[in-house]
Amino acid sequence: TIEDDGLIQDWSNDIVFMNPPYGRDIKHWIKKAYYESLKGAKVVCLIPSRTDTLYWHSYIFNKANEIRFLKGRLKFGNSKNPAPFPSAIIVYNS
């Protein structure tokens, strides 16, 4: 929640599933996932597959333990339309 603010919490002893907000702040969540994994957290991220972005090059390529590109486009809940972008699962497991 906004009150809990996951970006300031310590995840180092946790197993975390992260589906971050997909706006401009996603880079902060990916950076957090990477650095928390260096402290011992295991983090699984569901994110847009925007491989041209700086955060992919800074914190995912050559840093994530696993990258899985999902086939097709995800549909959330009872939505009639799929997401307008491809998705990926990123795993950090130091």
N, C-alpha and C. Protein backbone atom coordinates (compact mmCIF):
# COMPACT_ATOMS: atom_id res chain seq x y z
N THR A 1 0.84 -1.19 0.00
CA THR A 1 0.00 0.00 0.00
C THR A 1 0.88 1.25 0.00
N ILE A 2 0.28 2.36 -0.23
CA ILE A 2 1.03 3.62 -0.20
C ILE A 2 1.59 3.85 1.20
N GLU A 3 0.81 3.48 2.22
CA GLU A 3 1.24 3.67 3.60
C GLU A 3 2.44 2.78 3.94
N ASP A 4 2.45 1.54 3.43
CA ASP A 4 3.55 0.61 3.72
C ASP A 4 4.82 0.95 2.94
N ASP A 5 4.68 1.50 1.75
CA ASP A 5 5.77 1.88 0.86
C ASP A 5 6.86 0.81 0.78
N GLY A 6 6.62 -0.16 -0.07
CA GLY A 6 7.55 -1.27 -0.26
C GLY A 6 8.96 -0.86 -0.65
N LEU A 7 9.12 0.31 -1.21
CA LEU A 7 10.46 0.76 -1.61
C LEU A 7 11.36 1.08 -0.42
N ILE A 8 10.77 1.33 0.75
CA ILE A 8 11.60 1.63 1.91
C ILE A 8 11.69 0.46 2.89
N GLN A 9 11.01 -0.63 2.58
CA GLN A 9 11.04 -1.81 3.46
C GLN A 9 12.30 -2.64 3.18
N ASP A 10 12.71 -3.40 4.17
CA ASP A 10 13.81 -4.35 4.02
C ASP A 10 13.24 -5.68 3.55
N TRP A 11 13.70 -6.15 2.39
CA TRP A 11 13.22 -7.42 1.83
C TRP A 11 14.27 -8.52 1.99
N SER A 12 15.38 -8.23 2.60
CA SER A 12 16.55 -9.10 2.54
C SER A 12 16.31 -10.53 3.02
N ASN A 13 15.36 -10.76 3.90
CA ASN A 13 15.09 -12.11 4.38
C ASN A 13 13.79 -12.68 3.80
N ASP A 14 13.30 -12.08 2.74
CA ASP A 14 11.98 -12.43 2.22
C ASP A 14 12.04 -13.10 0.85
N ILE A 15 10.95 -13.78 0.55
CA ILE A 15 10.66 -14.23 -0.81
C ILE A 15 9.54 -13.31 -1.28
N VAL A 16 9.77 -12.59 -2.37
CA VAL A 16 8.87 -11.52 -2.79
C VAL A 16 8.35 -11.76 -4.19
N PHE A 17 7.03 -11.63 -4.39
CA PHE A 17 6.47 -11.54 -5.73
C PHE A 17 6.14 -10.08 -5.94
N MET A 18 6.66 -9.53 -7.02
CA MET A 18 6.50 -8.11 -7.27
C MET A 18 5.85 -7.88 -8.62
N ASN A 19 4.70 -7.21 -8.61
CA ASN A 19 4.03 -6.75 -9.82
C ASN A 19 3.92 -5.24 -9.66
N PRO A 20 4.99 -4.52 -10.00
CA PRO A 20 5.07 -3.09 -9.68
C PRO A 20 4.14 -2.25 -10.54
N PRO A 21 3.91 -1.01 -10.12
CA PRO A 21 3.19 -0.08 -10.99
C PRO A 21 3.94 0.04 -12.32
N TYR A 22 3.24 0.00 -13.42
CA TYR A 22 3.88 -0.04 -14.73
C TYR A 22 4.21 1.33 -15.32
N GLY A 23 4.11 2.37 -14.56
CA GLY A 23 4.43 3.71 -15.05
C GLY A 23 5.93 4.02 -14.97
N ARG A 24 6.25 5.27 -14.94
CA ARG A 24 7.64 5.73 -14.94
C ARG A 24 8.42 5.28 -13.70
N ASP A 25 7.73 4.99 -12.61
CA ASP A 25 8.41 4.60 -11.37
C ASP A 25 8.84 3.14 -11.35
N ILE A 26 8.52 2.38 -12.38
CA ILE A 26 8.90 0.97 -12.38
C ILE A 26 10.41 0.78 -12.21
N LYS A 27 11.18 1.73 -12.72
CA LYS A 27 12.64 1.62 -12.61
C LYS A 27 13.09 1.56 -11.15
N HIS A 28 12.39 2.26 -10.27
CA HIS A 28 12.75 2.24 -8.84
C HIS A 28 12.47 0.86 -8.24
N TRP A 29 11.40 0.22 -8.67
CA TRP A 29 11.06 -1.11 -8.17
C TRP A 29 12.04 -2.17 -8.66
N ILE A 30 12.46 -2.06 -9.92
CA ILE A 30 13.42 -3.02 -10.46
C ILE A 30 14.77 -2.85 -9.76
N LYS A 31 15.18 -1.63 -9.57
CA LYS A 31 16.43 -1.37 -8.85
C LYS A 31 16.35 -1.93 -7.44
N LYS A 32 15.23 -1.72 -6.76
CA LYS A 32 15.02 -2.23 -5.41
C LYS A 32 15.10 -3.76 -5.40
N ALA A 33 14.45 -4.41 -6.34
CA ALA A 33 14.47 -5.88 -6.41
C ALA A 33 15.90 -6.39 -6.57
N TYR A 34 16.65 -5.77 -7.46
CA TYR A 34 18.03 -6.19 -7.68
C TYR A 34 18.88 -6.04 -6.42
N TYR A 35 18.85 -4.87 -5.81
CA TYR A 35 19.69 -4.62 -4.63
C TYR A 35 19.25 -5.44 -3.43
N GLU A 36 17.97 -5.67 -3.27
CA GLU A 36 17.52 -6.52 -2.17
C GLU A 36 17.96 -7.96 -2.39
N SER A 37 18.04 -8.40 -3.65
CA SER A 37 18.51 -9.76 -3.91
C SER A 37 19.98 -9.91 -3.52
N LEU A 38 20.75 -8.85 -3.64
CA LEU A 38 22.15 -8.89 -3.22
C LEU A 38 22.28 -9.07 -1.71
N LYS A 39 21.22 -8.69 -0.98
CA LYS A 39 21.21 -8.83 0.48
C LYS A 39 20.53 -10.14 0.91
N GLY A 40 20.11 -10.97 -0.05
CA GLY A 40 19.54 -12.26 0.29
C GLY A 40 18.10 -12.50 -0.10
N ALA A 41 17.39 -11.48 -0.54
CA ALA A 41 15.99 -11.66 -0.94
C ALA A 41 15.90 -12.48 -2.22
N LYS A 42 14.82 -13.22 -2.35
CA LYS A 42 14.48 -13.89 -3.59
C LYS A 42 13.28 -13.14 -4.14
N VAL A 43 13.42 -12.59 -5.34
CA VAL A 43 12.37 -11.72 -5.88
C VAL A 43 11.97 -12.20 -7.27
N VAL A 44 10.66 -12.37 -7.46
CA VAL A 44 10.10 -12.72 -8.76
C VAL A 44 9.27 -11.54 -9.20
N CYS A 45 9.56 -11.02 -10.39
CA CYS A 45 8.92 -9.81 -10.89
C CYS A 45 8.11 -10.11 -12.15
N LEU A 46 6.89 -9.62 -12.21
CA LEU A 46 6.08 -9.64 -13.43
C LEU A 46 6.08 -8.22 -13.95
N ILE A 47 6.70 -8.03 -15.12
CA ILE A 47 6.85 -6.67 -15.64
C ILE A 47 6.64 -6.64 -17.15
N PRO A 48 6.42 -5.44 -17.71
CA PRO A 48 6.38 -5.32 -19.16
C PRO A 48 7.74 -5.64 -19.75
N SER A 49 7.74 -6.25 -20.89
CA SER A 49 8.99 -6.59 -21.57
C SER A 49 9.42 -5.40 -22.44
N ARG A 50 9.93 -4.40 -21.78
CA ARG A 50 10.39 -3.18 -22.47
C ARG A 50 11.91 -3.19 -22.46
N THR A 51 12.46 -4.04 -23.29
CA THR A 51 13.89 -4.31 -23.28
C THR A 51 14.74 -3.14 -23.78
N ASP A 52 14.11 -2.12 -24.29
CA ASP A 52 14.86 -0.95 -24.77
C ASP A 52 15.08 0.09 -23.67
N THR A 53 14.55 -0.15 -22.50
CA THR A 53 14.64 0.85 -21.43
C THR A 53 15.95 0.74 -20.65
N LEU A 54 16.30 1.83 -20.03
CA LEU A 54 17.54 1.89 -19.25
C LEU A 54 17.52 0.91 -18.09
N TYR A 55 16.36 0.77 -17.42
CA TYR A 55 16.33 -0.15 -16.26
C TYR A 55 16.55 -1.60 -16.68
N TRP A 56 16.13 -2.00 -17.86
CA TRP A 56 16.42 -3.36 -18.34
C TRP A 56 17.92 -3.53 -18.49
N HIS A 57 18.58 -2.55 -19.07
CA HIS A 57 20.02 -2.65 -19.31
C HIS A 57 20.83 -2.47 -18.02
N SER A 58 20.31 -1.72 -17.07
CA SER A 58 21.04 -1.49 -15.83
C SER A 58 20.83 -2.57 -14.78
N TYR A 59 19.62 -3.13 -14.70
CA TYR A 59 19.29 -4.01 -13.57
C TYR A 59 18.74 -5.38 -13.94
N ILE A 60 18.55 -5.66 -15.23
CA ILE A 60 18.01 -6.97 -15.60
C ILE A 60 19.00 -7.76 -16.44
N PHE A 61 19.36 -7.26 -17.61
CA PHE A 61 20.33 -7.97 -18.45
C PHE A 61 21.63 -8.12 -17.67
N ASN A 62 22.18 -9.32 -17.64
CA ASN A 62 23.43 -9.65 -16.96
C ASN A 62 23.38 -9.51 -15.44
N LYS A 63 22.19 -9.30 -14.85
CA LYS A 63 22.07 -9.21 -13.40
C LYS A 63 21.01 -10.16 -12.86
N ALA A 64 19.92 -10.34 -13.58
CA ALA A 64 18.86 -11.25 -13.13
C ALA A 64 19.35 -12.69 -13.28
N ASN A 65 18.89 -13.55 -12.39
CA ASN A 65 19.24 -14.96 -12.49
C ASN A 65 18.46 -15.66 -13.58
N GLU A 66 17.28 -15.13 -13.86
CA GLU A 66 16.44 -15.76 -14.87
C GLU A 66 15.54 -14.71 -15.50
N ILE A 67 15.37 -14.81 -16.81
CA ILE A 67 14.45 -13.96 -17.56
C ILE A 67 13.59 -14.89 -18.41
N ARG A 68 12.28 -14.77 -18.25
CA ARG A 68 11.36 -15.57 -19.06
C ARG A 68 10.40 -14.64 -19.77
N PHE A 69 10.41 -14.70 -21.08
CA PHE A 69 9.50 -13.91 -21.88
C PHE A 69 8.22 -14.70 -22.07
N LEU A 70 7.08 -14.09 -21.75
CA LEU A 70 5.80 -14.78 -21.84
C LEU A 70 5.26 -14.72 -23.26
N LYS A 71 4.74 -15.82 -23.72
CA LYS A 71 4.16 -15.90 -25.06
C LYS A 71 2.81 -15.18 -25.06
N GLY A 72 2.60 -14.39 -26.07
CA GLY A 72 1.34 -13.66 -26.17
C GLY A 72 1.29 -12.50 -25.20
N ARG A 73 0.08 -12.03 -24.98
CA ARG A 73 -0.11 -10.90 -24.07
C ARG A 73 -1.08 -11.30 -22.96
N LEU A 74 -0.76 -10.87 -21.76
CA LEU A 74 -1.56 -11.24 -20.60
C LEU A 74 -2.91 -10.53 -20.58
N LYS A 75 -3.89 -11.22 -20.03
CA LYS A 75 -5.19 -10.61 -19.75
C LYS A 75 -5.34 -10.63 -18.23
N PHE A 76 -5.71 -9.52 -17.68
CA PHE A 76 -5.85 -9.38 -16.23
C PHE A 76 -7.32 -9.44 -15.85
N GLY A 77 -7.62 -10.30 -14.88
CA GLY A 77 -8.99 -10.41 -14.39
C GLY A 77 -9.96 -10.81 -15.49
N ASN A 78 -11.09 -10.15 -15.52
CA ASN A 78 -12.13 -10.43 -16.52
C ASN A 78 -12.05 -9.51 -17.72
N SER A 79 -10.89 -8.91 -17.91
CA SER A 79 -10.71 -7.97 -19.02
C SER A 79 -10.98 -8.64 -20.36
N LYS A 80 -11.61 -7.92 -21.26
CA LYS A 80 -11.84 -8.45 -22.61
C LYS A 80 -10.62 -8.26 -23.50
N ASN A 81 -9.79 -7.30 -23.16
CA ASN A 81 -8.62 -6.99 -23.97
C ASN A 81 -7.34 -7.35 -23.23
N PRO A 82 -6.34 -7.83 -23.97
CA PRO A 82 -5.06 -8.13 -23.33
C PRO A 82 -4.25 -6.86 -23.08
N ALA A 83 -3.18 -7.02 -22.31
CA ALA A 83 -2.27 -5.90 -22.08
C ALA A 83 -1.74 -5.39 -23.43
N PRO A 84 -1.47 -4.11 -23.56
CA PRO A 84 -0.98 -3.56 -24.83
C PRO A 84 0.52 -3.74 -25.02
N PHE A 85 1.13 -4.65 -24.26
CA PHE A 85 2.58 -4.87 -24.33
C PHE A 85 2.86 -6.31 -23.95
N PRO A 86 4.01 -6.85 -24.38
CA PRO A 86 4.41 -8.18 -23.93
C PRO A 86 4.92 -8.11 -22.49
N SER A 87 4.97 -9.26 -21.83
CA SER A 87 5.40 -9.30 -20.43
C SER A 87 6.56 -10.28 -20.24
N ALA A 88 7.21 -10.14 -19.10
CA ALA A 88 8.33 -11.03 -18.76
C ALA A 88 8.30 -11.30 -17.26
N ILE A 89 8.85 -12.44 -16.90
CA ILE A 89 9.08 -12.80 -15.50
C ILE A 89 10.58 -12.67 -15.27
N ILE A 90 10.96 -11.92 -14.26
CA ILE A 90 12.36 -11.72 -13.91
C ILE A 90 12.57 -12.31 -12.52
N VAL A 91 13.63 -13.11 -12.38
CA VAL A 91 13.92 -13.73 -11.09
C VAL A 91 15.30 -13.28 -10.61
N TYR A 92 15.33 -12.78 -9.38
CA TYR A 92 16.58 -12.47 -8.70
C TYR A 92 16.67 -13.44 -7.54
N ASN A 93 17.76 -14.19 -7.50
CA ASN A 93 17.92 -15.22 -6.48
C ASN A 93 19.41 -15.35 -6.21
N SER A 94 19.93 -14.52 -5.31
CA SER A 94 21.38 -14.50 -5.10
C SER A 94 21.88 -15.72 -4.38
